[in-house]
Amino acid sequence: MSNHDNQDQTNERKIYLKDLHQWVQVSKTDYDNYYRDINAYRRRQQEHGRCV
């Protein structure tokens, strides 16, 4: 696999839906909106020395 092939894969954004037990491809905007609160919570916990 060449480097160019690897770079093309970064455009795929997937969200795991627990209720359906499957990964769903979404746009970058939807991906960012979905993970914004999750990542903010994780960073806040890590800044306070708690492992999440």
N, C-alpha and C. Protein backbone atom coordinates (compact mmCIF):
# COMPACT_ATOMS: atom_id res chain seq x y z
N MET A 1 0.85 -1.18 0.00
CA MET A 1 0.00 0.00 0.00
C MET A 1 0.89 1.24 0.00
N SER A 2 0.64 2.13 -0.90
CA SER A 2 1.46 3.32 -1.00
C SER A 2 0.98 4.39 -0.02
N ASN A 3 1.80 5.43 0.16
CA ASN A 3 1.42 6.51 1.06
C ASN A 3 0.16 7.21 0.60
N HIS A 4 0.00 7.35 -0.71
CA HIS A 4 -1.19 8.02 -1.24
C HIS A 4 -2.46 7.26 -0.86
N ASP A 5 -2.42 5.94 -0.87
CA ASP A 5 -3.58 5.14 -0.47
C ASP A 5 -3.93 5.37 0.99
N ASN A 6 -2.93 5.50 1.83
CA ASN A 6 -3.17 5.74 3.24
C ASN A 6 -3.81 7.10 3.47
N GLN A 7 -3.41 8.09 2.72
CA GLN A 7 -3.93 9.44 2.91
C GLN A 7 -5.39 9.54 2.48
N ASP A 8 -5.81 8.74 1.54
CA ASP A 8 -7.21 8.77 1.10
C ASP A 8 -8.15 8.25 2.18
N GLN A 9 -7.68 7.39 3.05
CA GLN A 9 -8.53 6.80 4.08
C GLN A 9 -8.88 7.80 5.18
N THR A 10 -8.15 8.88 5.33
CA THR A 10 -8.40 9.83 6.41
C THR A 10 -9.68 10.61 6.18
N ASN A 11 -10.23 10.63 4.97
CA ASN A 11 -11.45 11.36 4.69
C ASN A 11 -12.69 10.64 5.20
N GLU A 12 -12.56 9.37 5.56
CA GLU A 12 -13.69 8.60 6.04
C GLU A 12 -13.89 8.88 7.53
N ARG A 13 -15.09 9.29 7.88
CA ARG A 13 -15.45 9.53 9.27
C ARG A 13 -16.54 8.55 9.64
N LYS A 14 -16.37 7.86 10.75
CA LYS A 14 -17.35 6.87 11.17
C LYS A 14 -17.73 7.10 12.62
N ILE A 15 -18.99 6.87 12.92
CA ILE A 15 -19.52 6.95 14.27
C ILE A 15 -20.11 5.59 14.60
N TYR A 16 -19.80 5.08 15.78
CA TYR A 16 -20.36 3.79 16.20
C TYR A 16 -21.67 4.02 16.91
N LEU A 17 -22.73 3.41 16.42
CA LEU A 17 -24.05 3.52 17.04
C LEU A 17 -24.28 2.27 17.89
N LYS A 18 -24.31 2.45 19.21
CA LYS A 18 -24.43 1.31 20.11
C LYS A 18 -25.75 0.58 19.94
N ASP A 19 -26.83 1.35 19.72
CA ASP A 19 -28.15 0.72 19.58
C ASP A 19 -28.21 -0.23 18.39
N LEU A 20 -27.56 0.15 17.30
CA LEU A 20 -27.58 -0.66 16.08
C LEU A 20 -26.39 -1.62 15.99
N HIS A 21 -25.39 -1.43 16.87
CA HIS A 21 -24.18 -2.25 16.86
C HIS A 21 -23.48 -2.20 15.51
N GLN A 22 -23.33 -0.99 14.96
CA GLN A 22 -22.65 -0.86 13.68
C GLN A 22 -22.04 0.52 13.53
N TRP A 23 -21.07 0.61 12.62
CA TRP A 23 -20.41 1.86 12.29
C TRP A 23 -21.16 2.50 11.13
N VAL A 24 -21.31 3.82 11.18
CA VAL A 24 -22.01 4.57 10.14
C VAL A 24 -21.09 5.67 9.64
N GLN A 25 -20.96 5.79 8.32
CA GLN A 25 -20.14 6.85 7.75
C GLN A 25 -20.91 8.17 7.80
N VAL A 26 -20.22 9.23 8.23
CA VAL A 26 -20.84 10.55 8.34
C VAL A 26 -19.90 11.60 7.77
N SER A 27 -20.42 12.79 7.59
CA SER A 27 -19.60 13.90 7.10
C SER A 27 -18.70 14.40 8.22
N LYS A 28 -17.71 15.20 7.88
CA LYS A 28 -16.79 15.76 8.87
C LYS A 28 -17.55 16.63 9.86
N THR A 29 -18.52 17.41 9.39
CA THR A 29 -19.31 18.28 10.27
C THR A 29 -20.09 17.47 11.29
N ASP A 30 -20.76 16.41 10.83
CA ASP A 30 -21.52 15.56 11.75
C ASP A 30 -20.60 14.87 12.76
N TYR A 31 -19.44 14.43 12.28
CA TYR A 31 -18.47 13.77 13.15
C TYR A 31 -17.98 14.74 14.24
N ASP A 32 -17.63 15.95 13.83
CA ASP A 32 -17.14 16.95 14.79
C ASP A 32 -18.21 17.30 15.81
N ASN A 33 -19.45 17.48 15.36
CA ASN A 33 -20.54 17.80 16.28
C ASN A 33 -20.81 16.67 17.26
N TYR A 34 -20.73 15.43 16.80
CA TYR A 34 -21.00 14.27 17.65
C TYR A 34 -19.94 14.14 18.75
N TYR A 35 -18.67 14.31 18.38
CA TYR A 35 -17.59 14.09 19.32
C TYR A 35 -17.16 15.33 20.10
N ARG A 36 -17.74 16.50 19.82
CA ARG A 36 -17.33 17.73 20.49
C ARG A 36 -17.49 17.62 22.01
N ASP A 37 -18.67 17.23 22.49
CA ASP A 37 -18.90 17.11 23.93
C ASP A 37 -18.10 15.97 24.55
N ILE A 38 -18.00 14.88 23.82
CA ILE A 38 -17.26 13.72 24.32
C ILE A 38 -15.78 14.08 24.52
N ASN A 39 -15.19 14.74 23.53
CA ASN A 39 -13.78 15.11 23.63
C ASN A 39 -13.55 16.19 24.68
N ALA A 40 -14.49 17.13 24.82
CA ALA A 40 -14.36 18.17 25.83
C ALA A 40 -14.38 17.56 27.22
N TYR A 41 -15.27 16.60 27.45
CA TYR A 41 -15.33 15.91 28.74
C TYR A 41 -14.04 15.15 29.01
N ARG A 42 -13.53 14.43 28.02
CA ARG A 42 -12.30 13.66 28.17
C ARG A 42 -11.12 14.56 28.50
N ARG A 43 -10.99 15.68 27.77
CA ARG A 43 -9.88 16.61 28.03
C ARG A 43 -9.99 17.23 29.42
N ARG A 44 -11.19 17.60 29.83
CA ARG A 44 -11.39 18.19 31.15
C ARG A 44 -10.99 17.21 32.26
N GLN A 45 -11.36 15.95 32.09
CA GLN A 45 -11.00 14.94 33.09
C GLN A 45 -9.50 14.72 33.12
N GLN A 46 -8.86 14.69 31.96
CA GLN A 46 -7.42 14.47 31.91
C GLN A 46 -6.66 15.64 32.51
N GLU A 47 -7.17 16.86 32.34
CA GLU A 47 -6.51 18.03 32.93
C GLU A 47 -6.54 17.97 34.46
N HIS A 48 -7.57 17.32 35.00
CA HIS A 48 -7.69 17.19 36.45
C HIS A 48 -7.05 15.92 36.99
N GLY A 49 -6.35 15.21 36.13
CA GLY A 49 -5.61 14.03 36.55
C GLY A 49 -6.43 12.78 36.69
N ARG A 50 -7.61 12.77 36.10
CA ARG A 50 -8.46 11.57 36.14
C ARG A 50 -8.37 10.85 34.81
N CYS A 51 -8.24 9.55 34.86
CA CYS A 51 -8.18 8.76 33.63
C CYS A 51 -9.59 8.46 33.15
N VAL A 52 -9.82 8.69 31.88
CA VAL A 52 -11.15 8.39 31.29
C VAL A 52 -10.96 7.50 30.11
